[in-house]
Amino acid sequence: TKGMRGRLIRLPEAAGADSGTTDGQEPALRMAVLGDSVAAGV
């Protein structure tokens, strides 16, 4: 990994709203996604 780090392309985190609501029956299930690059939408 040390040799690869300098050659890897860094992708940005997902842009736009960091929250939303899907269609469906109420009451809505409230879901939080917490974490690193996968959760950040890189």
All heavy atoms as atom14 arrays in JSON, in Angstrom:
{
  "sequence": "TKGMRGRLIRLPEAAGADSGTTDGQEPALRMAVLGDSVAAGV",
  "atom14_mask": [
    [1, 1, 1, 1, 1, 1, 1, 0, 0, 0, 0, 0, 0, 0],
    [1, 1, 1, 1, 1, 1, 1, 1, 1, 0, 0, 0, 0, 0],
    [1, 1, 1, 1, 0, 0, 0, 0, 0, 0, 0, 0, 0, 0],
    [1, 1, 1, 1, 1, 1, 1, 1, 0, 0, 0, 0, 0, 0],
    [1, 1, 1, 1, 1, 1, 1, 1, 1, 1, 1, 0, 0, 0],
    [1, 1, 1, 1, 0, 0, 0, 0, 0, 0, 0, 0, 0, 0],
    [1, 1, 1, 1, 1, 1, 1, 1, 1, 1, 1, 0, 0, 0],
    [1, 1, 1, 1, 1, 1, 1, 1, 0, 0, 0, 0, 0, 0],
    [1, 1, 1, 1, 1, 1, 1, 1, 0, 0, 0, 0, 0, 0],
    [1, 1, 1, 1, 1, 1, 1, 1, 1, 1, 1, 0, 0, 0],
    [1, 1, 1, 1, 1, 1, 1, 1, 0, 0, 0, 0, 0, 0],
    [1, 1, 1, 1, 1, 1, 1, 0, 0, 0, 0, 0, 0, 0],
    [1, 1, 1, 1, 1, 1, 1, 1, 1, 0, 0, 0, 0, 0],
    [1, 1, 1, 1, 1, 0, 0, 0, 0, 0, 0, 0, 0, 0],
    [1, 1, 1, 1, 1, 0, 0, 0, 0, 0, 0, 0, 0, 0],
    [1, 1, 1, 1, 0, 0, 0, 0, 0, 0, 0, 0, 0, 0],
    [1, 1, 1, 1, 1, 0, 0, 0, 0, 0, 0, 0, 0, 0],
    [1, 1, 1, 1, 1, 1, 1, 1, 0, 0, 0, 0, 0, 0],
    [1, 1, 1, 1, 1, 1, 0, 0, 0, 0, 0, 0, 0, 0],
    [1, 1, 1, 1, 0, 0, 0, 0, 0, 0, 0, 0, 0, 0],
    [1, 1, 1, 1, 1, 1, 1, 0, 0, 0, 0, 0, 0, 0],
    [1, 1, 1, 1, 1, 1, 1, 0, 0, 0, 0, 0, 0, 0],
    [1, 1, 1, 1, 1, 1, 1, 1, 0, 0, 0, 0, 0, 0],
    [1, 1, 1, 1, 0, 0, 0, 0, 0, 0, 0, 0, 0, 0],
    [1, 1, 1, 1, 1, 1, 1, 1, 1, 0, 0, 0, 0, 0],
    [1, 1, 1, 1, 1, 1, 1, 1, 1, 0, 0, 0, 0, 0],
    [1, 1, 1, 1, 1, 1, 1, 0, 0, 0, 0, 0, 0, 0],
    [1, 1, 1, 1, 1, 0, 0, 0, 0, 0, 0, 0, 0, 0],
    [1, 1, 1, 1, 1, 1, 1, 1, 0, 0, 0, 0, 0, 0],
    [1, 1, 1, 1, 1, 1, 1, 1, 1, 1, 1, 0, 0, 0],
    [1, 1, 1, 1, 1, 1, 1, 1, 0, 0, 0, 0, 0, 0],
    [1, 1, 1, 1, 1, 0, 0, 0, 0, 0, 0, 0, 0, 0],
    [1, 1, 1, 1, 1, 1, 1, 0, 0, 0, 0, 0, 0, 0],
    [1, 1, 1, 1, 1, 1, 1, 1, 0, 0, 0, 0, 0, 0],
    [1, 1, 1, 1, 0, 0, 0, 0, 0, 0, 0, 0, 0, 0],
    [1, 1, 1, 1, 1, 1, 1, 1, 0, 0, 0, 0, 0, 0],
    [1, 1, 1, 1, 1, 1, 0, 0, 0, 0, 0, 0, 0, 0],
    [1, 1, 1, 1, 1, 1, 1, 0, 0, 0, 0, 0, 0, 0],
    [1, 1, 1, 1, 1, 0, 0, 0, 0, 0, 0, 0, 0, 0],
    [1, 1, 1, 1, 1, 0, 0, 0, 0, 0, 0, 0, 0, 0],
    [1, 1, 1, 1, 0, 0, 0, 0, 0, 0, 0, 0, 0, 0],
    [1, 1, 1, 1, 1, 1, 1, 0, 0, 0, 0, 0, 0, 0]
  ],
  "atom14_positions": [
    [[0.81, -1.21, 0.0], [0.0, 0.0, 0.0], [0.85, 1.26, 0.0], [0.44, 2.27, -0.55], [-0.96, 0.04, 1.2], [-0.2, -0.05, 2.4], [-1.98, -1.07, 1.12], [0.0, 0.0, 0.0], [0.0, 0.0, 0.0], [0.0, 0.0, 0.0], [0.0, 0.0, 0.0], [0.0, 0.0, 0.0], [0.0, 0.0, 0.0], [0.0, 0.0, 0.0]],
    [[2.01, 1.23, 0.61], [2.86, 2.42, 0.63], [3.29, 2.79, -0.78], [3.33, 3.95, -1.13], [4.07, 2.2, 1.52], [3.74, 2.21, 2.99], [4.99, 2.09, 3.82], [4.62, 2.09, 5.29], [5.78, 1.98, 6.14], [0.0, 0.0, 0.0], [0.0, 0.0, 0.0], [0.0, 0.0, 0.0], [0.0, 0.0, 0.0], [0.0, 0.0, 0.0]],
    [[3.61, 1.84, -1.6], [4.02, 2.11, -2.97], [2.87, 2.57, -3.85], [3.05, 3.32, -4.8], [0.0, 0.0, 0.0], [0.0, 0.0, 0.0], [0.0, 0.0, 0.0], [0.0, 0.0, 0.0], [0.0, 0.0, 0.0], [0.0, 0.0, 0.0], [0.0, 0.0, 0.0], [0.0, 0.0, 0.0], [0.0, 0.0, 0.0], [0.0, 0.0, 0.0]],
    [[1.67, 2.15, -3.53], [0.5, 2.48, -4.33], [-0.07, 3.84, -4.0], [-0.68, 4.48, -4.85], [-0.6, 1.43, -4.12], [-0.28, 0.08, -4.68], [-0.12, 0.11, -6.47], [-1.77, 0.51, -6.96], [0.0, 0.0, 0.0], [0.0, 0.0, 0.0], [0.0, 0.0, 0.0], [0.0, 0.0, 0.0], [0.0, 0.0, 0.0], [0.0, 0.0, 0.0]],
    [[0.08, 4.32, -2.78], [-0.57, 5.57, -2.35], [-0.25, 6.74, -3.26], [-1.13, 7.53, -3.57], [-0.2, 5.91, -0.92], [-0.92, 5.05, 0.07], [-0.62, 5.53, 1.48], [-1.11, 4.57, 2.42], [-2.16, 4.76, 3.19], [-2.8, 5.89, 3.15], [-2.55, 3.84, 4.01], [0.0, 0.0, 0.0], [0.0, 0.0, 0.0], [0.0, 0.0, 0.0]],
    [[0.95, 6.88, -3.69], [1.34, 8.02, -4.53], [0.76, 7.95, -5.93], [0.65, 8.96, -6.6], [0.0, 0.0, 0.0], [0.0, 0.0, 0.0], [0.0, 0.0, 0.0], [0.0, 0.0, 0.0], [0.0, 0.0, 0.0], [0.0, 0.0, 0.0], [0.0, 0.0, 0.0], [0.0, 0.0, 0.0], [0.0, 0.0, 0.0], [0.0, 0.0, 0.0]],
    [[0.34, 6.78, -6.35], [-0.19, 6.61, -7.71], [-1.71, 6.53, -7.78], [-2.28, 6.48, -8.86], [0.4, 5.36, -8.34], [1.9, 5.48, -8.51], [2.45, 4.27, -9.17], [2.36, 3.15, -8.22], [3.02, 2.02, -8.34], [3.78, 1.82, -9.38], [2.9, 1.07, -7.45], [0.0, 0.0, 0.0], [0.0, 0.0, 0.0], [0.0, 0.0, 0.0]],
    [[-2.37, 6.49, -6.64], [-3.82, 6.38, -6.63], [-4.48, 7.73, -6.91], [-4.0, 8.77, -6.46], [-4.31, 5.87, -5.27], [-3.91, 4.44, -4.92], [-4.4, 4.09, -3.52], [-4.48, 3.46, -5.91], [0.0, 0.0, 0.0], [0.0, 0.0, 0.0], [0.0, 0.0, 0.0], [0.0, 0.0, 0.0], [0.0, 0.0, 0.0], [0.0, 0.0, 0.0]],
    [[-5.56, 7.69, -7.64], [-6.33, 8.91, -7.91], [-7.32, 9.09, -6.77], [-8.05, 8.18, -6.41], [-7.1, 8.77, -9.24], [-6.12, 8.6, -10.39], [-8.01, 9.96, -9.46], [-6.78, 8.22, -11.69], [0.0, 0.0, 0.0], [0.0, 0.0, 0.0], [0.0, 0.0, 0.0], [0.0, 0.0, 0.0], [0.0, 0.0, 0.0], [0.0, 0.0, 0.0]],
    [[-7.35, 10.28, -6.19], [-8.28, 10.58, -5.11], [-9.59, 11.09, -5.72], [-9.61, 12.12, -6.37], [-7.72, 11.62, -4.16], [-6.53, 11.1, -3.39], [-6.49, 11.76, -2.03], [-5.35, 11.31, -1.29], [-5.41, 10.37, -0.36], [-6.54, 9.8, -0.07], [-4.34, 10.0, 0.29], [0.0, 0.0, 0.0], [0.0, 0.0, 0.0], [0.0, 0.0, 0.0]],
    [[-10.66, 10.36, -5.49], [-11.97, 10.76, -5.97], [-12.66, 11.61, -4.91], [-12.47, 11.4, -3.71], [-12.81, 9.53, -6.28], [-12.27, 8.61, -7.38], [-13.11, 7.34, -7.45], [-12.26, 9.33, -8.7], [0.0, 0.0, 0.0], [0.0, 0.0, 0.0], [0.0, 0.0, 0.0], [0.0, 0.0, 0.0], [0.0, 0.0, 0.0], [0.0, 0.0, 0.0]],
    [[-13.48, 12.55, -5.34], [-14.18, 13.41, -4.37], [-15.34, 12.69, -3.7], [-15.87, 11.71, -4.23], [-14.7, 14.56, -5.23], [-14.85, 13.96, -6.59], [-13.76, 12.94, -6.72], [0.0, 0.0, 0.0], [0.0, 0.0, 0.0], [0.0, 0.0, 0.0], [0.0, 0.0, 0.0], [0.0, 0.0, 0.0], [0.0, 0.0, 0.0], [0.0, 0.0, 0.0]],
    [[-15.74, 13.22, -2.55], [-16.95, 12.73, -1.88], [-18.15, 13.15, -2.71], [-18.08, 14.09, -3.51], [-17.05, 13.33, -0.48], [-15.96, 12.86, 0.46], [-16.1, 13.44, 1.86], [-17.13, 14.1, 2.15], [-15.18, 13.25, 2.65], [0.0, 0.0, 0.0], [0.0, 0.0, 0.0], [0.0, 0.0, 0.0], [0.0, 0.0, 0.0], [0.0, 0.0, 0.0]],
    [[-19.27, 12.48, -2.52], [-20.5, 12.83, -3.22], [-20.9, 14.27, -2.89], [-20.73, 14.73, -1.77], [-21.62, 11.88, -2.82], [0.0, 0.0, 0.0], [0.0, 0.0, 0.0], [0.0, 0.0, 0.0], [0.0, 0.0, 0.0], [0.0, 0.0, 0.0], [0.0, 0.0, 0.0], [0.0, 0.0, 0.0], [0.0, 0.0, 0.0], [0.0, 0.0, 0.0]],
    [[-21.39, 14.97, -3.89], [-21.83, 16.35, -3.71], [-23.34, 16.37, -3.45], [-24.0, 15.34, -3.44], [-21.5, 17.16, -4.97], [0.0, 0.0, 0.0], [0.0, 0.0, 0.0], [0.0, 0.0, 0.0], [0.0, 0.0, 0.0], [0.0, 0.0, 0.0], [0.0, 0.0, 0.0], [0.0, 0.0, 0.0], [0.0, 0.0, 0.0], [0.0, 0.0, 0.0]],
    [[-23.86, 17.56, -3.29], [-25.3, 17.71, -3.13], [-25.77, 17.43, -1.72], [-24.98, 17.34, -0.79], [0.0, 0.0, 0.0], [0.0, 0.0, 0.0], [0.0, 0.0, 0.0], [0.0, 0.0, 0.0], [0.0, 0.0, 0.0], [0.0, 0.0, 0.0], [0.0, 0.0, 0.0], [0.0, 0.0, 0.0], [0.0, 0.0, 0.0], [0.0, 0.0, 0.0]],
    [[-27.07, 17.28, -1.6], [-27.7, 17.09, -0.29], [-27.2, 15.81, 0.38], [-27.07, 14.78, -0.27], [-29.21, 17.04, -0.45], [0.0, 0.0, 0.0], [0.0, 0.0, 0.0], [0.0, 0.0, 0.0], [0.0, 0.0, 0.0], [0.0, 0.0, 0.0], [0.0, 0.0, 0.0], [0.0, 0.0, 0.0], [0.0, 0.0, 0.0], [0.0, 0.0, 0.0]],
    [[-26.94, 15.89, 1.68], [-26.5, 14.71, 2.42], [-27.67, 14.06, 3.16], [-27.49, 13.31, 4.11], [-25.36, 15.05, 3.38], [-25.75, 16.09, 4.42], [-26.91, 16.55, 4.42], [-24.88, 16.43, 5.25], [0.0, 0.0, 0.0], [0.0, 0.0, 0.0], [0.0, 0.0, 0.0], [0.0, 0.0, 0.0], [0.0, 0.0, 0.0], [0.0, 0.0, 0.0]],
    [[-28.88, 14.35, 2.69], [-30.07, 13.73, 3.25], [-31.15, 13.69, 2.19], [-31.08, 14.4, 1.18], [-30.56, 14.52, 4.48], [-30.92, 15.83, 4.1], [0.0, 0.0, 0.0], [0.0, 0.0, 0.0], [0.0, 0.0, 0.0], [0.0, 0.0, 0.0], [0.0, 0.0, 0.0], [0.0, 0.0, 0.0], [0.0, 0.0, 0.0], [0.0, 0.0, 0.0]],
    [[-32.14, 12.86, 2.42], [-33.25, 12.76, 1.48], [-34.32, 11.84, 2.03], [-34.19, 11.27, 3.11], [0.0, 0.0, 0.0], [0.0, 0.0, 0.0], [0.0, 0.0, 0.0], [0.0, 0.0, 0.0], [0.0, 0.0, 0.0], [0.0, 0.0, 0.0], [0.0, 0.0, 0.0], [0.0, 0.0, 0.0], [0.0, 0.0, 0.0], [0.0, 0.0, 0.0]],
    [[-35.39, 11.7, 1.27], [-36.5, 10.84, 1.65], [-37.01, 10.11, 0.42], [-37.18, 10.72, -0.64], [-37.65, 11.65, 2.28], [-37.15, 12.39, 3.4], [-38.77, 10.74, 2.77], [0.0, 0.0, 0.0], [0.0, 0.0, 0.0], [0.0, 0.0, 0.0], [0.0, 0.0, 0.0], [0.0, 0.0, 0.0], [0.0, 0.0, 0.0], [0.0, 0.0, 0.0]],
    [[-37.23, 8.82, 0.56], [-37.77, 8.03, -0.54], [-39.29, 8.1, -0.5], [-39.89, 8.49, 0.51], [-37.34, 6.56, -0.43], [-37.95, 5.98, 0.73], [-35.83, 6.42, -0.37], [0.0, 0.0, 0.0], [0.0, 0.0, 0.0], [0.0, 0.0, 0.0], [0.0, 0.0, 0.0], [0.0, 0.0, 0.0], [0.0, 0.0, 0.0], [0.0, 0.0, 0.0]],
    [[-39.92, 7.66, -1.57], [-41.37, 7.52, -1.58], [-41.74, 6.3, -0.76], [-40.95, 5.37, -0.62], [-41.88, 7.35, -3.01], [-41.71, 8.6, -3.85], [-41.72, 9.71, -3.27], [-41.57, 8.47, -5.08], [0.0, 0.0, 0.0], [0.0, 0.0, 0.0], [0.0, 0.0, 0.0], [0.0, 0.0, 0.0], [0.0, 0.0, 0.0], [0.0, 0.0, 0.0]],
    [[-42.95, 6.29, -0.24], [-43.43, 5.14, 0.51], [-44.4, 5.55, 1.58], [-44.72, 6.73, 1.75], [0.0, 0.0, 0.0], [0.0, 0.0, 0.0], [0.0, 0.0, 0.0], [0.0, 0.0, 0.0], [0.0, 0.0, 0.0], [0.0, 0.0, 0.0], [0.0, 0.0, 0.0], [0.0, 0.0, 0.0], [0.0, 0.0, 0.0], [0.0, 0.0, 0.0]],
    [[-44.89, 4.56, 2.3], [-45.86, 4.81, 3.36], [-45.22, 5.46, 4.56], [-44.09, 5.16, 4.92], [-46.52, 3.49, 3.79], [-47.35, 2.84, 2.72], [-47.93, 1.51, 3.18], [-47.57, 0.98, 4.23], [-48.82, 0.96, 2.37], [0.0, 0.0, 0.0], [0.0, 0.0, 0.0], [0.0, 0.0, 0.0], [0.0, 0.0, 0.0], [0.0, 0.0, 0.0]],
    [[-45.96, 6.38, 5.16], [-45.52, 7.03, 6.4], [-45.99, 6.18, 7.58], [-46.95, 5.44, 7.45], [-46.11, 8.45, 6.46], [-45.62, 9.37, 5.36], [-44.16, 9.77, 5.51], [-43.64, 9.72, 6.64], [-43.55, 10.12, 4.5], [0.0, 0.0, 0.0], [0.0, 0.0, 0.0], [0.0, 0.0, 0.0], [0.0, 0.0, 0.0], [0.0, 0.0, 0.0]],
    [[-45.36, 6.25, 8.72], [-44.23, 7.12, 9.01], [-42.95, 6.59, 8.39], [-42.76, 5.38, 8.26], [-44.13, 7.09, 10.54], [-44.68, 5.75, 10.92], [-45.75, 5.44, 9.9], [0.0, 0.0, 0.0], [0.0, 0.0, 0.0], [0.0, 0.0, 0.0], [0.0, 0.0, 0.0], [0.0, 0.0, 0.0], [0.0, 0.0, 0.0], [0.0, 0.0, 0.0]],
    [[-42.09, 7.51, 8.02], [-40.82, 7.14, 7.39], [-39.89, 6.49, 8.41], [-39.84, 6.9, 9.57], [-40.16, 8.36, 6.79], [0.0, 0.0, 0.0], [0.0, 0.0, 0.0], [0.0, 0.0, 0.0], [0.0, 0.0, 0.0], [0.0, 0.0, 0.0], [0.0, 0.0, 0.0], [0.0, 0.0, 0.0], [0.0, 0.0, 0.0], [0.0, 0.0, 0.0]],
    [[-39.17, 5.5, 7.96], [-38.08, 4.92, 8.74], [-36.92, 5.89, 8.64], [-36.55, 6.31, 7.54], [-37.68, 3.56, 8.16], [-36.48, 2.88, 8.8], [-36.85, 2.39, 10.2], [-36.01, 1.73, 7.95], [0.0, 0.0, 0.0], [0.0, 0.0, 0.0], [0.0, 0.0, 0.0], [0.0, 0.0, 0.0], [0.0, 0.0, 0.0], [0.0, 0.0, 0.0]],
    [[-36.35, 6.29, 9.76], [-35.23, 7.24, 9.76], [-33.92, 6.47, 9.81], [-33.67, 5.74, 10.77], [-35.36, 8.21, 10.93], [-36.59, 9.1, 10.81], [-36.76, 9.99, 12.02], [-36.78, 9.22, 13.26], [-37.89, 8.87, 13.91], [-39.05, 9.22, 13.47], [-37.82, 8.17, 15.03], [0.0, 0.0, 0.0], [0.0, 0.0, 0.0], [0.0, 0.0, 0.0]],
    [[-33.09, 6.62, 8.78], [-31.84, 5.86, 8.65], [-30.66, 6.82, 8.52], [-30.66, 7.7, 7.67], [-31.9, 4.97, 7.41], [-30.64, 4.15, 7.2], [-30.71, 3.16, 5.7], [-30.44, 4.42, 4.45], [0.0, 0.0, 0.0], [0.0, 0.0, 0.0], [0.0, 0.0, 0.0], [0.0, 0.0, 0.0], [0.0, 0.0, 0.0], [0.0, 0.0, 0.0]],
    [[-29.67, 6.63, 9.38], [-28.44, 7.41, 9.3], [-27.32, 6.5, 8.81], [-27.23, 5.34, 9.21], [-28.08, 7.98, 10.67], [0.0, 0.0, 0.0], [0.0, 0.0, 0.0], [0.0, 0.0, 0.0], [0.0, 0.0, 0.0], [0.0, 0.0, 0.0], [0.0, 0.0, 0.0], [0.0, 0.0, 0.0], [0.0, 0.0, 0.0], [0.0, 0.0, 0.0]],
    [[-26.48, 7.03, 7.94], [-25.31, 6.3, 7.44], [-24.09, 7.05, 7.95], [-23.9, 8.24, 7.65], [-25.32, 6.2, 5.9], [-24.07, 5.49, 5.42], [-26.57, 5.46, 5.43], [0.0, 0.0, 0.0], [0.0, 0.0, 0.0], [0.0, 0.0, 0.0], [0.0, 0.0, 0.0], [0.0, 0.0, 0.0], [0.0, 0.0, 0.0], [0.0, 0.0, 0.0]],
    [[-23.28, 6.39, 8.72], [-22.15, 6.98, 9.42], [-20.88, 6.28, 9.01], [-20.84, 5.05, 8.93], [-22.39, 6.79, 10.93], [-21.3, 7.18, 11.9], [-21.2, 8.7, 11.97], [-21.62, 6.63, 13.28], [0.0, 0.0, 0.0], [0.0, 0.0, 0.0], [0.0, 0.0, 0.0], [0.0, 0.0, 0.0], [0.0, 0.0, 0.0], [0.0, 0.0, 0.0]],
    [[-19.8, 7.04, 8.73], [-18.56, 6.34, 8.47], [-17.53, 7.04, 7.62], [-17.39, 8.25, 7.64], [0.0, 0.0, 0.0], [0.0, 0.0, 0.0], [0.0, 0.0, 0.0], [0.0, 0.0, 0.0], [0.0, 0.0, 0.0], [0.0, 0.0, 0.0], [0.0, 0.0, 0.0], [0.0, 0.0, 0.0], [0.0, 0.0, 0.0], [0.0, 0.0, 0.0]],
    [[-16.82, 6.21, 6.83], [-15.67, 6.66, 6.06], [-16.04, 6.91, 4.6], [-17.17, 7.29, 4.29], [-14.52, 5.67, 6.22], [-14.87, 4.24, 5.78], [-15.83, 4.06, 5.0], [-14.19, 3.31, 6.22], [0.0, 0.0, 0.0], [0.0, 0.0, 0.0], [0.0, 0.0, 0.0], [0.0, 0.0, 0.0], [0.0, 0.0, 0.0], [0.0, 0.0, 0.0]],
    [[-15.11, 6.7, 3.7], [-15.3, 7.05, 2.28], [-16.47, 6.35, 1.62], [-17.14, 6.94, 0.78], [-14.01, 6.79, 1.5], [-13.63, 5.44, 1.6], [0.0, 0.0, 0.0], [0.0, 0.0, 0.0], [0.0, 0.0, 0.0], [0.0, 0.0, 0.0], [0.0, 0.0, 0.0], [0.0, 0.0, 0.0], [0.0, 0.0, 0.0], [0.0, 0.0, 0.0]],
    [[-16.75, 5.13, 2.0], [-17.9, 4.43, 1.41], [-19.18, 5.15, 1.79], [-20.03, 5.44, 0.95], [-17.94, 2.95, 1.85], [-19.21, 2.28, 1.37], [-16.72, 2.21, 1.33], [0.0, 0.0, 0.0], [0.0, 0.0, 0.0], [0.0, 0.0, 0.0], [0.0, 0.0, 0.0], [0.0, 0.0, 0.0], [0.0, 0.0, 0.0], [0.0, 0.0, 0.0]],
    [[-19.33, 5.47, 3.06], [-20.51, 6.2, 3.53], [-20.55, 7.62, 2.95], [-21.63, 8.16, 2.71], [-20.53, 6.25, 5.06], [0.0, 0.0, 0.0], [0.0, 0.0, 0.0], [0.0, 0.0, 0.0], [0.0, 0.0, 0.0], [0.0, 0.0, 0.0], [0.0, 0.0, 0.0], [0.0, 0.0, 0.0], [0.0, 0.0, 0.0], [0.0, 0.0, 0.0]],
    [[-19.38, 8.22, 2.73], [-19.3, 9.59, 2.19], [-19.6, 9.64, 0.7], [-19.67, 10.72, 0.12], [-17.92, 10.19, 2.47], [0.0, 0.0, 0.0], [0.0, 0.0, 0.0], [0.0, 0.0, 0.0], [0.0, 0.0, 0.0], [0.0, 0.0, 0.0], [0.0, 0.0, 0.0], [0.0, 0.0, 0.0], [0.0, 0.0, 0.0], [0.0, 0.0, 0.0]],
    [[-19.76, 8.49, 0.08], [-20.13, 8.46, -1.33], [-19.0, 8.76, -2.28], [-19.24, 9.26, -3.39], [0.0, 0.0, 0.0], [0.0, 0.0, 0.0], [0.0, 0.0, 0.0], [0.0, 0.0, 0.0], [0.0, 0.0, 0.0], [0.0, 0.0, 0.0], [0.0, 0.0, 0.0], [0.0, 0.0, 0.0], [0.0, 0.0, 0.0], [0.0, 0.0, 0.0]],
    [[-17.77, 8.47, -1.89], [-16.62, 8.75, -2.76], [-16.82, 8.04, -4.1], [-17.14, 6.86, -4.16], [-15.3, 8.3, -2.1], [-14.15, 8.29, -3.09], [-14.98, 9.21, -0.92], [0.0, 0.0, 0.0], [0.0, 0.0, 0.0], [0.0, 0.0, 0.0], [0.0, 0.0, 0.0], [0.0, 0.0, 0.0], [0.0, 0.0, 0.0], [0.0, 0.0, 0.0]]
  ]
}
